[in-house]
Each structure stands twice: as C-alpha cells, then as structure tokens.
C-alpha atoms as a PDB file:
ATOM      1  CA  UNK A   1      17.593  18.547   4.214  1.00  0.00           C
ATOM      2  CA  UNK A   2      20.796  18.738   3.213  1.00  0.00           C
ATOM      3  CA  UNK A   3      22.460  19.062  -0.211  1.00  0.00           C
ATOM      4  CA  UNK A   4      23.144  15.186  -0.838  1.00  0.00           C
ATOM      5  CA  UNK A   5      19.548  14.216  -0.229  1.00  0.00           C
ATOM      6  CA  UNK A   6      18.346  17.255  -1.823  1.00  0.00           C
ATOM      7  CA  UNK A   7      20.259  15.842  -5.160  1.00  0.00           C
ATOM      8  CA  UNK A   8      18.680  12.369  -3.742  1.00  0.00           C
ATOM      9  CA  UNK A   9      15.478  13.952  -3.919  1.00  0.00           C
ATOM     10  CA  UNK A  10      15.568  15.836  -7.508  1.00  0.00           C
ATOM     11  CA  UNK A  11      16.703  12.540  -9.219  1.00  0.00           C
ATOM     12  CA  UNK A  12      13.832  10.307  -7.645  1.00  0.00           C
ATOM     13  CA  UNK A  13      11.114  13.025  -8.725  1.00  0.00           C
ATOM     14  CA  UNK A  14      12.780  12.956 -12.455  1.00  0.00           C
ATOM     15  CA  UNK A  15      12.299   9.180 -11.925  1.00  0.00           C
ATOM     16  CA  UNK A  16       8.696   9.753 -11.289  1.00  0.00           C
ATOM     17  CA  UNK A  17       8.143  11.935 -13.841  1.00  0.00           C
ATOM     18  CA  UNK A  18       9.388   9.534 -16.480  1.00  0.00           C
ATOM     19  CA  UNK A  19       7.842   6.312 -15.031  1.00  0.00           C
ATOM     20  CA  UNK A  20       4.342   7.568 -13.312  1.00  0.00           C
ATOM     21  CA  UNK A  21       2.977   4.029 -14.333  1.00  0.00           C
ATOM     22  CA  UNK A  22       5.798   1.570 -13.956  1.00  0.00           C
ATOM     23  CA  UNK A  23       7.151   0.322 -10.723  1.00  0.00           C
ATOM     24  CA  UNK A  24       9.459   2.176  -8.936  1.00  0.00           C
ATOM     25  CA  UNK A  25      11.856   0.700  -6.673  1.00  0.00           C
ATOM     26  CA  UNK A  26      12.540   2.923  -3.479  1.00  0.00           C
ATOM     27  CA  UNK A  27      15.778   2.246  -2.036  1.00  0.00           C
ATOM     28  CA  UNK A  28      16.639   5.526  -0.502  1.00  0.00           C
ATOM     29  CA  UNK A  29      13.396   5.986   0.806  1.00  0.00           C
ATOM     30  CA  UNK A  30      14.377   6.588   4.322  1.00  0.00           C
ATOM     31  CA  UNK A  31      16.569   9.486   3.287  1.00  0.00           C
ATOM     32  CA  UNK A  32      13.715  11.378   2.831  1.00  0.00           C
ATOM     33  CA  UNK A  33      12.180  13.463   5.924  1.00  0.00           C
ATOM     34  CA  UNK A  34       8.655  11.774   5.493  1.00  0.00           C
ATOM     35  CA  UNK A  35       5.891  10.070   7.740  1.00  0.00           C
ATOM     36  CA  UNK A  36       4.497   9.039   4.367  1.00  0.00           C
ATOM     37  CA  UNK A  37       7.073   7.663   1.648  1.00  0.00           C
ATOM     38  CA  UNK A  38       6.477   8.032  -2.339  1.00  0.00           C
ATOM     39  CA  UNK A  39       4.828   4.774  -2.594  1.00  0.00           C
ATOM     40  CA  UNK A  40       2.272   5.208   0.267  1.00  0.00           C
ATOM     41  CA  UNK A  41       4.239   3.288   3.038  1.00  0.00           C
ATOM     42  CA  UNK A  42       4.645   4.760   6.125  1.00  0.00           C
ATOM     43  CA  UNK A  43       8.430   5.768   7.659  1.00  0.00           C
ATOM     44  CA  UNK A  44       8.414   4.112  10.159  1.00  0.00           C
ATOM     45  CA  UNK A  45      11.349   1.794  12.201  1.00  0.00           C
ATOM     46  CA  UNK A  46       9.146   0.483  15.592  1.00  0.00           C
ATOM     47  CA  UNK A  47      11.324  -0.483  18.390  1.00  0.00           C
ATOM     48  CA  UNK A  48      10.311  -2.201  21.724  1.00  0.00           C
ATOM     49  CA  UNK A  49       7.552  -4.215  20.516  1.00  0.00           C
ATOM     50  CA  UNK A  50       7.485  -7.705  21.574  1.00  0.00           C
ATOM     51  CA  UNK A  51       7.221 -10.466  18.963  1.00  0.00           C
ATOM     52  CA  UNK A  52       4.698 -12.216  20.685  1.00  0.00           C
ATOM     53  CA  UNK A  53       2.203  -9.338  19.504  1.00  0.00           C
ATOM     54  CA  UNK A  54       2.117 -10.226  15.963  1.00  0.00           C
ATOM     55  CA  UNK A  55       2.272 -13.942  16.791  1.00  0.00           C
ATOM     56  CA  UNK A  56      -1.234 -13.378  18.418  1.00  0.00           C
ATOM     57  CA  UNK A  57      -2.534 -12.096  15.139  1.00  0.00           C
ATOM     58  CA  UNK A  58      -1.345 -14.755  13.185  1.00  0.00           C
ATOM     59  CA  UNK A  59      -3.551 -14.300  10.165  1.00  0.00           C
ATOM     60  CA  UNK A  60      -2.558 -10.632   9.172  1.00  0.00           C
ATOM     61  CA  UNK A  61       1.105 -11.129  10.258  1.00  0.00           C
ATOM     62  CA  UNK A  62       0.840 -14.284   7.502  1.00  0.00           C
ATOM     63  CA  UNK A  63      -0.717 -11.772   4.912  1.00  0.00           C
ATOM     64  CA  UNK A  64       1.606  -8.964   5.202  1.00  0.00           C
ATOM     65  CA  UNK A  65       4.673 -11.461   4.392  1.00  0.00           C
ATOM     66  CA  UNK A  66       6.419 -10.683   1.632  1.00  0.00           C
ATOM     67  CA  UNK A  67       5.752 -13.647  -1.353  1.00  0.00           C
ATOM     68  CA  UNK A  68       9.673 -14.353  -0.764  1.00  0.00           C
ATOM     69  CA  UNK A  69       8.887 -15.731   2.648  1.00  0.00           C
ATOM     70  CA  UNK A  70       5.591 -16.401   2.168  1.00  0.00           C
ATOM     71  CA  UNK A  71       5.866 -19.305  -0.746  1.00  0.00           C
ATOM     72  CA  UNK A  72       8.651 -21.107   1.405  1.00  0.00           C
ATOM     73  CA  UNK A  73       6.617 -21.024   4.415  1.00  0.00           C
ATOM     74  CA  UNK A  74       3.665 -23.106   2.611  1.00  0.00           C
ATOM     75  CA  UNK A  75       6.366 -25.240   1.166  1.00  0.00           C
ATOM     76  CA  UNK A  76       7.435 -25.778   4.841  1.00  0.00           C
ATOM     77  CA  UNK A  77       4.092 -26.248   6.437  1.00  0.00           C
ATOM     78  CA  UNK A  78       3.492 -29.121   3.807  1.00  0.00           C
ATOM     79  CA  UNK A  79       6.737 -30.841   4.148  1.00  0.00           C
ATOM     80  CA  UNK A  80       6.388 -30.664   7.703  1.00  0.00           C
ATOM     81  CA  UNK A  81       2.810 -32.194   7.471  1.00  0.00           C
ATOM     82  CA  UNK A  82       3.895 -35.031   4.992  1.00  0.00           C
ATOM     83  CA  UNK A  83       7.362 -36.317   7.258  1.00  0.00           C
ATOM     84  CA  UNK A  84       4.798 -36.109  10.475  1.00  0.00           C
ATOM     85  CA  UNK A  85       2.241 -38.465   9.288  1.00  0.00           C
ATOM     86  CA  UNK A  86       5.121 -40.240   7.163  1.00  0.00           C
ATOM     87  CA  UNK A  87       7.152 -40.924  10.605  1.00  0.00           C
ATOM     88  CA  UNK A  88       3.867 -42.142  12.263  1.00  0.00           C
ATOM     89  CA  UNK A  89       3.121 -44.371   9.346  1.00  0.00           C
ATOM     90  CA  UNK A  90       6.623 -45.656  10.003  1.00  0.00           C
ATOM     91  CA  UNK A  91       6.447 -46.430  13.133  1.00  0.00           C
ATOM     92  CA  UNK A  92       3.623 -48.464  12.490  1.00  0.00           C
ATOM     93  CA  UNK A  93       5.348 -50.099   9.642  1.00  0.00           C
ATOM     94  CA  UNK A  94       4.537 -53.637  11.130  1.00  0.00           C
ATOM     95  CA  UNK A  95       0.738 -52.983  10.373  1.00  0.00           C
ATOM     96  CA  UNK A  96       0.861 -51.951   7.069  1.00  0.00           C
ATOM     97  CA  UNK A  97       1.684 -53.946   3.721  1.00  0.00           C
ATOM     98  CA  UNK A  98       4.966 -54.973   2.632  1.00  0.00           C
ATOM     99  CA  UNK A  99       5.395 -52.464   0.790  1.00  0.00           C
ATOM    100  CA  UNK A 100       5.721 -49.845   2.745  1.00  0.00           C
ATOM    101  CA  UNK A 101       8.652 -50.724   5.317  1.00  0.00           C
ATOM    102  CA  UNK A 102      11.336 -48.148   4.565  1.00  0.00           C
ATOM    103  CA  UNK A 103      10.673 -44.690   5.546  1.00  0.00           C
ATOM    104  CA  UNK A 104      10.980 -42.947   2.134  1.00  0.00           C
ATOM    105  CA  UNK A 105       8.432 -45.140   1.492  1.00  0.00           C
ATOM    106  CA  UNK A 106       5.907 -44.430   4.171  1.00  0.00           C
ATOM    107  CA  UNK A 107       7.085 -40.652   3.285  1.00  0.00           C
ATOM    108  CA  UNK A 108       5.577 -41.272  -0.374  1.00  0.00           C
ATOM    109  CA  UNK A 109       2.456 -43.065   1.069  1.00  0.00           C
ATOM    110  CA  UNK A 110       1.968 -39.888   3.668  1.00  0.00           C
ATOM    111  CA  UNK A 111       2.232 -37.532   0.099  1.00  0.00           C
ATOM    112  CA  UNK A 112      -0.027 -39.476  -1.944  1.00  0.00           C
ATOM    113  CA  UNK A 113      -2.650 -39.905   0.849  1.00  0.00           C
ATOM    114  CA  UNK A 114      -2.429 -36.028   1.610  1.00  0.00           C
ATOM    115  CA  UNK A 115      -2.942 -34.775  -1.601  1.00  0.00           C
ATOM    116  CA  UNK A 116      -5.114 -37.503  -2.706  1.00  0.00           C
ATOM    117  CA  UNK A 117      -3.280 -38.348  -5.817  1.00  0.00           C
ATOM    118  CA  UNK A 118      -4.033 -42.714  -5.120  1.00  0.00           C
ATOM    119  CA  UNK A 119      -1.396 -44.591  -7.910  1.00  0.00           C
ATOM    120  CA  UNK A 120      -2.760 -47.627  -6.622  1.00  0.00           C
ATOM    121  CA  UNK A 121       0.263 -49.220  -5.548  1.00  0.00           C
ATOM    122  CA  UNK A 122       0.325 -48.169  -2.083  1.00  0.00           C
ATOM    123  CA  UNK A 123      -2.307 -49.183   0.494  1.00  0.00           C
ATOM    124  CA  UNK A 124      -2.362 -48.717   4.338  1.00  0.00           C
ATOM    125  CA  UNK A 125      -3.606 -52.058   4.314  1.00  0.00           C
ATOM    126  CA  UNK A 126      -7.032 -53.868   6.754  1.00  0.00           C
ATOM    127  CA  UNK A 127      -5.299 -53.188  10.000  1.00  0.00           C
ATOM    128  CA  UNK A 128      -6.688 -50.279  12.456  1.00  0.00           C
ATOM    129  CA  UNK A 129      -3.929 -48.443  12.987  1.00  0.00           C
ATOM    130  CA  UNK A 130      -2.835 -47.383  10.199  1.00  0.00           C
ATOM    131  CA  UNK A 131      -6.335 -46.555   8.385  1.00  0.00           C
ATOM    132  CA  UNK A 132      -6.923 -44.492  11.789  1.00  0.00           C
ATOM    133  CA  UNK A 133      -3.867 -42.470  10.754  1.00  0.00           C
ATOM    134  CA  UNK A 134      -5.161 -41.993   6.975  1.00  0.00           C
ATOM    135  CA  UNK A 135      -8.071 -40.645   8.753  1.00  0.00           C
ATOM    136  CA  UNK A 136      -6.840 -38.061  10.828  1.00  0.00           C
ATOM    137  CA  UNK A 137      -4.357 -37.132   7.725  1.00  0.00           C
ATOM    138  CA  UNK A 138      -7.185 -36.425   5.610  1.00  0.00           C
ATOM    139  CA  UNK A 139      -8.727 -34.787   8.200  1.00  0.00           C
ATOM    140  CA  UNK A 140      -5.510 -32.050   8.681  1.00  0.00           C
ATOM    141  CA  UNK A 141      -4.935 -32.094   5.007  1.00  0.00           C
ATOM    142  CA  UNK A 142      -8.115 -30.349   4.205  1.00  0.00           C
ATOM    143  CA  UNK A 143      -7.909 -28.101   6.681  1.00  0.00           C
ATOM    144  CA  UNK A 144      -4.673 -27.187   5.845  1.00  0.00           C
ATOM    145  CA  UNK A 145      -5.371 -26.426   1.927  1.00  0.00           C
ATOM    146  CA  UNK A 146      -8.479 -24.461   3.453  1.00  0.00           C
ATOM    147  CA  UNK A 147      -5.945 -22.229   5.178  1.00  0.00           C
ATOM    148  CA  UNK A 148      -3.334 -21.715   2.701  1.00  0.00           C
ATOM    149  CA  UNK A 149      -5.610 -21.404  -0.156  1.00  0.00           C
ATOM    150  CA  UNK A 150      -7.620 -18.976   2.192  1.00  0.00           C
ATOM    151  CA  UNK A 151      -4.502 -16.758   3.128  1.00  0.00           C
ATOM    152  CA  UNK A 152      -3.638 -17.175  -0.486  1.00  0.00           C
ATOM    153  CA  UNK A 153      -6.623 -15.696  -1.977  1.00  0.00           C
ATOM    154  CA  UNK A 154      -6.719 -12.878   0.627  1.00  0.00           C
ATOM    155  CA  UNK A 155      -3.086 -11.889  -0.298  1.00  0.00           C
ATOM    156  CA  UNK A 156      -3.879 -11.716  -4.248  1.00  0.00           C
ATOM    157  CA  UNK A 157      -7.316 -10.046  -3.695  1.00  0.00           C
ATOM    158  CA  UNK A 158      -5.350  -7.356  -1.163  1.00  0.00           C
ATOM    159  CA  UNK A 159      -5.575  -3.996  -3.148  1.00  0.00           C
ATOM    160  CA  UNK A 160      -1.918  -2.864  -2.593  1.00  0.00           C
ATOM    161  CA  UNK A 161      -1.255  -2.710  -6.470  1.00  0.00           C
ATOM    162  CA  UNK A 162      -4.711  -0.925  -7.470  1.00  0.00           C
ATOM    163  CA  UNK A 163      -3.531   1.956  -5.052  1.00  0.00           C
ATOM    164  CA  UNK A 164      -0.355   2.509  -7.356  1.00  0.00           C
ATOM    165  CA  UNK A 165      -2.830   3.579  -9.939  1.00  0.00           C
ATOM    166  CA  UNK A 166      -3.970   6.781  -8.173  1.00  0.00           C
ATOM    167  CA  UNK A 167      -1.669   9.252  -9.594  1.00  0.00           C
ATOM    168  CA  UNK A 168      -0.527  12.615  -7.385  1.00  0.00           C
ATOM    169  CA  UNK A 169       1.011  15.108  -8.344  1.00  0.00           C
ATOM    170  CA  UNK A 170       4.408  15.277  -6.979  1.00  0.00           C
ATOM    171  CA  UNK A 171       4.513  18.948  -5.772  1.00  0.00           C
ATOM    172  CA  UNK A 172       1.802  21.141  -4.380  1.00  0.00           C
ATOM    173  CA  UNK A 173       0.953  24.705  -5.664  1.00  0.00           C
ATOM    174  CA  UNK A 174       0.171  27.394  -3.430  1.00  0.00           C
ATOM    175  CA  UNK A 175      -2.021  29.623  -5.867  1.00  0.00           C
ATOM    176  CA  UNK A 176      -4.979  32.281  -5.614  1.00  0.00           C
ATOM    177  CA  UNK A 177      -8.289  30.896  -6.248  1.00  0.00           C
ATOM    178  CA  UNK A 178     -11.355  33.078  -6.171  1.00  0.00           C
ATOM    179  CA  UNK A 179      -9.158  35.731  -4.725  1.00  0.00           C
ATOM    180  CA  UNK A 180      -7.882  33.924  -1.858  1.00  0.00           C
ATOM    181  CA  UNK A 181      -4.331  31.729  -1.486  1.00  0.00           C
ATOM    182  CA  UNK A 182      -5.137  28.338  -1.720  1.00  0.00           C
ATOM    183  CA  UNK A 183      -3.224  24.894  -1.544  1.00  0.00           C
ATOM    184  CA  UNK A 184      -3.952  22.819  -4.490  1.00  0.00           C
ATOM    185  CA  UNK A 185      -3.202  19.264  -5.216  1.00  0.00           C
ATOM    186  CA  UNK A 186      -4.274  17.222  -7.962  1.00  0.00           C
ATOM    187  CA  UNK A 187      -5.123  13.369  -7.890  1.00  0.00           C
ATOM    188  CA  UNK A 188      -6.149  11.161 -10.599  1.00  0.00           C
ATOM    189  CA  UNK A 189      -7.348   7.993 -11.414  1.00  0.00           C
ATOM    190  CA  UNK A 190      -5.505   6.228 -14.804  1.00  0.00           C
ATOM    191  CA  UNK A 191      -6.901   3.326 -14.866  1.00  0.00           C
ATOM    192  CA  UNK A 192     -10.757   3.213 -16.962  1.00  0.00           C
ATOM    193  CA  UNK A 193     -12.794   1.391 -14.473  1.00  0.00           C
ATOM    194  CA  UNK A 194     -14.206   3.725 -12.213  1.00  0.00           C
ATOM    195  CA  UNK A 195     -14.046   4.249  -8.206  1.00  0.00           C
ATOM    196  CA  UNK A 196     -17.197   3.972  -6.197  1.00  0.00           C
ATOM    197  CA  UNK A 197     -17.895   6.336  -2.843  1.00  0.00           C
ATOM    198  CA  UNK A 198     -13.902   8.362  -3.283  1.00  0.00           C
ATOM    199  CA  UNK A 199     -13.470  10.689  -0.566  1.00  0.00           C
ATOM    200  CA  UNK A 200     -10.050  12.636  -0.285  1.00  0.00           C
ATOM    201  CA  UNK A 201      -8.894  14.248   3.240  1.00  0.00           C
ATOM    202  CA  UNK A 202      -6.079  16.353   3.700  1.00  0.00           C
ATOM    203  CA  UNK A 203      -4.009  16.240   6.806  1.00  0.00           C
ATOM    204  CA  UNK A 204      -1.487  18.788   8.190  1.00  0.00           C
ATOM    205  CA  UNK A 205       1.658  17.131  10.433  1.00  0.00           C
ATOM    206  CA  UNK A 206       3.946  19.321  12.161  1.00  0.00           C
ATOM    207  CA  UNK A 207       6.097  20.046  15.129  1.00  0.00           C
ATOM    208  CA  UNK A 208       5.051  22.118  17.517  1.00  0.00           C
ATOM    209  CA  UNK A 209       7.013  23.129  20.741  1.00  0.00           C
ATOM    210  CA  UNK A 210       4.667  23.872  23.738  1.00  0.00           C
ATOM    211  CA  UNK A 211       5.036  26.347  26.509  1.00  0.00           C
ATOM    212  CA  UNK A 212       6.796  23.795  28.847  1.00  0.00           C
ATOM    213  CA  UNK A 213       9.084  23.459  26.269  1.00  0.00           C
ATOM    214  CA  UNK A 214       7.457  19.929  25.304  1.00  0.00           C
ATOM    215  CA  UNK A 215       8.146  19.382  21.469  1.00  0.00           C
ATOM    216  CA  UNK A 216       5.634  16.831  19.689  1.00  0.00           C
ATOM    217  CA  UNK A 217       4.041  16.055  16.553  1.00  0.00           C
ATOM    218  CA  UNK A 218       0.625  16.882  15.607  1.00  0.00           C
ATOM    219  CA  UNK A 219      -1.641  15.697  12.386  1.00  0.00           C
ATOM    220  CA  UNK A 220      -4.683  17.981  12.367  1.00  0.00           C
ATOM    221  CA  UNK A 221      -7.183  17.738   9.287  1.00  0.00           C
ATOM    222  CA  UNK A 222      -7.629  20.112   7.220  1.00  0.00           C
ATOM    223  CA  UNK A 223     -11.128  21.882   5.441  1.00  0.00           C
ATOM    224  CA  UNK A 224     -10.917  21.283   1.698  1.00  0.00           C
ATOM    225  CA  UNK A 225     -12.982  21.789  -1.503  1.00  0.00           C
ATOM    226  CA  UNK A 226     -12.802  19.708  -4.781  1.00  0.00           C
ATOM    227  CA  UNK A 227     -11.934  21.204  -8.298  1.00  0.00           C
ATOM    228  CA  UNK A 228     -12.962  18.898 -11.567  1.00  0.00           C
ATOM    229  CA  UNK A 229     -14.028  15.959 -11.577  1.00  0.00           C
ATOM    230  CA  UNK A 230     -16.585  14.862  -8.484  1.00  0.00           C
ATOM    231  CA  UNK A 231     -14.954  13.003  -5.951  1.00  0.00           C
ATOM    232  CA  UNK A 232     -17.740  10.436  -5.872  1.00  0.00           C
ATOM    233  CA  UNK A 233     -16.324   8.336  -8.956  1.00  0.00           C
ATOM    234  CA  UNK A 234     -13.017  10.946 -10.329  1.00  0.00           C
ATOM    235  CA  UNK A 235     -13.421  10.264 -13.735  1.00  0.00           C
ATOM    236  CA  UNK A 236     -11.011  13.390 -14.591  1.00  0.00           C
ATOM    237  CA  UNK A 237      -8.194  14.494 -12.712  1.00  0.00           C
ATOM    238  CA  UNK A 238      -9.404  16.570  -9.814  1.00  0.00           C
ATOM    239  CA  UNK A 239      -7.865  19.205  -7.547  1.00  0.00           C
ATOM    240  CA  UNK A 240      -7.889  19.199  -4.258  1.00  0.00           C
ATOM    241  CA  UNK A 241      -7.973  22.624  -2.915  1.00  0.00           C
ATOM    242  CA  UNK A 242      -6.748  23.756   0.551  1.00  0.00           C
ATOM    243  CA  UNK A 243      -8.462  27.701   1.391  1.00  0.00           C
ATOM    244  CA  UNK A 244      -5.621  29.575   3.076  1.00  0.00           C
ATOM    245  CA  UNK A 245      -7.947  31.839   5.592  1.00  0.00           C
ATOM    246  CA  UNK A 246      -8.055  32.802   9.129  1.00  0.00           C
ATOM    247  CA  UNK A 247      -9.312  29.171   9.718  1.00  0.00           C
ATOM    248  CA  UNK A 248      -6.246  27.498   8.320  1.00  0.00           C
ATOM    249  CA  UNK A 249      -3.155  26.631   9.977  1.00  0.00           C
ATOM    250  CA  UNK A 250      -1.276  27.864   7.220  1.00  0.00           C
ATOM    251  CA  UNK A 251      -2.458  31.559   8.074  1.00  0.00           C
ATOM    252  CA  UNK A 252      -0.063  33.741   9.655  1.00  0.00           C
ATOM    253  CA  UNK A 253       2.589  31.514   9.166  1.00  0.00           C
ATOM    254  CA  UNK A 254       5.716  32.628   6.846  1.00  0.00           C
ATOM    255  CA  UNK A 255       7.970  30.356   4.668  1.00  0.00           C
ATOM    256  CA  UNK A 256      10.488  30.329   7.410  1.00  0.00           C
ATOM    257  CA  UNK A 257       7.841  29.282  10.291  1.00  0.00           C
ATOM    258  CA  UNK A 258       6.765  26.467   8.011  1.00  0.00           C
ATOM    259  CA  UNK A 259      10.157  25.111   7.073  1.00  0.00           C
ATOM    260  CA  UNK A 260      11.330  25.399  11.001  1.00  0.00           C
ATOM    261  CA  UNK A 261       8.105  23.317  11.831  1.00  0.00           C
ATOM    262  CA  UNK A 262       9.020  20.581  10.073  1.00  0.00           C
ATOM    263  CA  UNK A 263       5.923  20.134   8.068  1.00  0.00           C
ATOM    264  CA  UNK A 264       4.155  17.598   5.976  1.00  0.00           C
ATOM    265  CA  UNK A 265       0.989  17.513   4.002  1.00  0.00           C
ATOM    266  CA  UNK A 266      -0.377  14.246   3.789  1.00  0.00           C
ATOM    267  CA  UNK A 267      -3.001  13.305   1.488  1.00  0.00           C
ATOM    268  CA  UNK A 268      -5.521  10.344   1.309  1.00  0.00           C
ATOM    269  CA  UNK A 269      -8.033   9.203  -0.916  1.00  0.00           C
ATOM    270  CA  UNK A 270     -10.140   6.299  -0.003  1.00  0.00           C
ATOM    271  CA  UNK A 271     -12.447   4.739  -2.493  1.00  0.00           C
ATOM    272  CA  UNK A 272     -13.800   1.482  -3.808  1.00  0.00           C
ATOM    273  CA  UNK A 273     -12.903  -0.302  -6.767  1.00  0.00           C
ATOM    274  CA  UNK A 274     -15.591  -1.309  -9.041  1.00  0.00           C
ATOM    275  CA  UNK A 275     -13.988  -4.347 -10.455  1.00  0.00           C
ATOM    276  CA  UNK A 276     -13.415  -6.047  -7.430  1.00  0.00           C
ATOM    277  CA  UNK A 277     -15.417  -4.512  -4.721  1.00  0.00           C
ATOM    278  CA  UNK A 278     -12.746  -3.759  -2.875  1.00  0.00           C
ATOM    279  CA  UNK A 279     -11.840  -0.576  -0.796  1.00  0.00           C
ATOM    280  CA  UNK A 280      -8.308   1.180  -0.583  1.00  0.00           C
ATOM    281  CA  UNK A 281      -6.863   4.309   0.688  1.00  0.00           C
ATOM    282  CA  UNK A 282      -4.179   5.446  -1.232  1.00  0.00           C
ATOM    283  CA  UNK A 283      -1.707   8.091   0.221  1.00  0.00           C
ATOM    284  CA  UNK A 284       1.216  10.854  -0.844  1.00  0.00           C
ATOM    285  CA  UNK A 285       2.554  13.743   1.127  1.00  0.00           C
ATOM    286  CA  UNK A 286       4.646  16.859   0.898  1.00  0.00           C
ATOM    287  CA  UNK A 287       7.113  18.560   3.002  1.00  0.00           C
ATOM    288  CA  UNK A 288       8.217  22.341   2.449  1.00  0.00           C
ATOM    289  CA  UNK A 289      10.670  21.669  -0.549  1.00  0.00           C
ATOM    290  CA  UNK A 290       7.756  20.444  -2.494  1.00  0.00           C
ATOM    291  CA  UNK A 291       5.624  23.447  -2.436  1.00  0.00           C
ATOM    292  CA  UNK A 292       5.318  25.847  -4.887  1.00  0.00           C
ATOM    293  CA  UNK A 293       4.053  29.654  -4.281  1.00  0.00           C
ATOM    294  CA  UNK A 294       2.689  31.163  -7.168  1.00  0.00           C
ATOM    295  CA  UNK A 295       2.250  28.470  -9.610  1.00  0.00           C
ATOM    296  CA  UNK A 296      -0.544  26.443 -10.888  1.00  0.00           C
ATOM    297  CA  UNK A 297      -1.167  23.441 -12.404  1.00  0.00           C
ATOM    298  CA  UNK A 298      -1.142  23.114 -16.195  1.00  0.00           C
ATOM    299  CA  UNK A 299      -4.469  22.191 -18.008  1.00  0.00           C
ATOM    300  CA  UNK A 300      -4.350  18.725 -19.362  1.00  0.00           C
ATOM    301  CA  UNK A 301      -8.227  18.453 -20.141  1.00  0.00           C
ATOM    302  CA  UNK A 302      -9.559  18.737 -23.605  1.00  0.00           C
ATOM    303  CA  UNK A 303     -12.354  17.493 -25.674  1.00  0.00           C
ATOM    304  CA  UNK A 304     -12.729  16.816 -29.077  1.00  0.00           C
ATOM    305  CA  UNK A 305     -15.269  17.782 -31.333  1.00  0.00           C
ATOM    306  CA  UNK A 306     -16.758  14.256 -30.926  1.00  0.00           C
ATOM    307  CA  UNK A 307     -17.215  15.064 -27.139  1.00  0.00           C
ATOM    308  CA  UNK A 308     -14.482  12.514 -26.255  1.00  0.00           C
ATOM    309  CA  UNK A 309     -12.592  13.792 -23.144  1.00  0.00           C
ATOM    310  CA  UNK A 310      -8.490  13.941 -23.810  1.00  0.00           C
ATOM    311  CA  UNK A 311      -6.375  13.943 -20.329  1.00  0.00           C
ATOM    312  CA  UNK A 312      -2.608  14.051 -21.310  1.00  0.00           C
ATOM    313  CA  UNK A 313      -0.900  12.596 -18.518  1.00  0.00           C
ATOM    314  CA  UNK A 314       2.576  13.984 -20.217  1.00  0.00           C
ATOM    315  CA  UNK A 315       2.141  16.989 -18.207  1.00  0.00           C
ATOM    316  CA  UNK A 316       0.302  16.156 -15.351  1.00  0.00           C
ATOM    317  CA  UNK A 317       2.788  17.334 -12.612  1.00  0.00           C
ATOM    318  CA  UNK A 318       3.847  20.547 -14.976  1.00  0.00           C
ATOM    319  CA  UNK A 319       3.342  23.830 -13.240  1.00  0.00           C
ATOM    320  CA  UNK A 320       3.181  27.354 -14.716  1.00  0.00           C
ATOM    321  CA  UNK A 321       4.400  30.092 -12.798  1.00  0.00           C
ATOM    322  CA  UNK A 322       1.385  32.919 -12.476  1.00  0.00           C
ATOM    323  CA  UNK A 323       2.093  36.371 -14.477  1.00  0.00           C
ATOM    324  CA  UNK A 324       1.898  39.432 -12.944  1.00  0.00           C
ATOM    325  CA  UNK A 325       1.108  38.361  -9.134  1.00  0.00           C
ATOM    326  CA  UNK A 326       3.008  39.042  -6.261  1.00  0.00           C
ATOM    327  CA  UNK A 327       4.584  36.669  -3.580  1.00  0.00           C
ATOM    328  CA  UNK A 328       1.704  35.236  -1.977  1.00  0.00           C
ATOM    329  CA  UNK A 329       1.750  36.604   2.159  1.00  0.00           C
ATOM    330  CA  UNK A 330      -0.191  34.607   4.690  1.00  0.00           C
END
C-alpha cells in the first residue's frame, strides 16, 4: 500500500472511531486493497457478463436497484400503463360518452379507472368496447399494484441496515491466550434486540504461487473459538479467537511472508434478528496493515452492584500493548 493510501486508510479509521454508529460514506473504497470493503460489500468489478443474465433474474435485479432508480422506475411503470389504456380509450372514443373525446380526457379516465378513484364525472358508457377495456385495465392494475407492493416490501424488509449495527474491531490483534499465540477479533451487537442462532466464521484469503508458476487467490476457512458472550445470542461483546498452532495457516509464517502473500482475514457473522425474524450476514476484513502484534483489547464490560452490565463502546477499538512479552514468532 502506498504512502498516500496509507494516510487515507488512517483517516478512514479515524472517521470510523468517531462515527461508529452513524452512516459513513465510502467514497474512496476502491483505494483499499480488500475483497470485503469496510461497509461489508464485496470490492469487485465484474466484466464480460452479458446484461441479459440479469434480465432473466428480473426480481432480484429490481430489488437490488438503488432507491434513486427504483422510485422513477415505478412511476414510469404506472405512467406507461395509464398512457397505454388512455390511448386505447382514445382510439375507441366514438363509443365513449361525449365528455371523453380528447386524448387528455381519455388519459384522465384511464388514471381514475386503474386507481379506482371514481369521481362520478367520467364513465365508459354502455358500449362493449370501452367496458371491455375497463375490465382488462382493472385486472392489469391489480397485478401491477401487487407486483410493485411486493417489490417495495421486499426491499424495505431487507436486513441491509441491521447488519450495520454489528460492530467489528477495526484492527485484529495477535496475543497469547493460554500460552498459544492467537489471532483475536472483537465483535458486538450494538442493539438491544437479541440475535438468534448467530454464528461466526473466519476465512483466510491469500495469494499463492504453485510449483508451475501459476498465481491465484485461495480462501480457506480457519478454526476458531469464542470468548465472552456465547455466539448463540451475542448479548455482550465477544472475542473471535483463532489459535495459531501447527494446524493454522499462520504457523511458521513470518511477517514478511504474510505481507508478500497479500493476506486478507475475512470474518462473518450470520444471525437471525428477533424483531423481524430476518436472517442476515455482516462481514468485515483485515489486511496485514490491520494486524497488531503483542496487543490485547481493552476490557469494556463492567458490572454494577445492582447486577446491570455496562458496555463502554468508547474503547471498543482500543488495544493495549502487552507488557514484558517478546515479539510473537510463529
């Protein structure tokens, strides 16, 4: 990472420390060499994919649209429907009442028919053609309304904002636990609503070169244990710990080896929110620059005499250096 990118990374982490709970704009996310960005999304630029692949999965394509595109799309959908049936009424205006002879009057009648407004001034009359078009438009209107309502409901209920209330430490520490060097990451749920069936995972992304000289990226799941609040509901901040023993991918790797391998440690939390029963996944990642050797997380959980637990999130990311401990070597 260049010096400019390193300064940008430091400024970004400072912003996170000051605004943990607030929404953060990631205008420079592509300057970070990470597969998982700080907002949990993947840092990918997909090329060579035909657009018709997304049209075949139209439901998810529309749900994934940003609001600034989805709202105009819904308005255009209704306007096209109004204009189409208004044109059909206008083409058969000879069979309509005398007050529906211009196109704008037929358009207004189309809007009132599909929206079931019924002011009482406009009516299709007694002829077959306009009443048949009215029946068709009502059926189309019901289908269109239910489709857009279903899409909006699905987009509103997506747990994209819920995962932002899962807090990961902005650095990972390497610290001895029970005499064994361990990789530690702190995670917490900042909402009072408890989580159901929460599960954490750690993945190790590295760039390897085979004997044939082929370089590729490999993702391996790491073993882990949890210290603190049980992962089943995550009531208190928890530590995700990966022992660096002979079975670990970190074992017998120097700092230079880790740096040259362009490692990335990806941690994920899968859970179900109790208030909505929606399943969600929150992700975060760490590169070599995010690792702190011979550090441990500061204790942030205390208990009052009344029995109430107090969690001080002001020091959630704070780490302290270990005293009287040599540099950890694997």
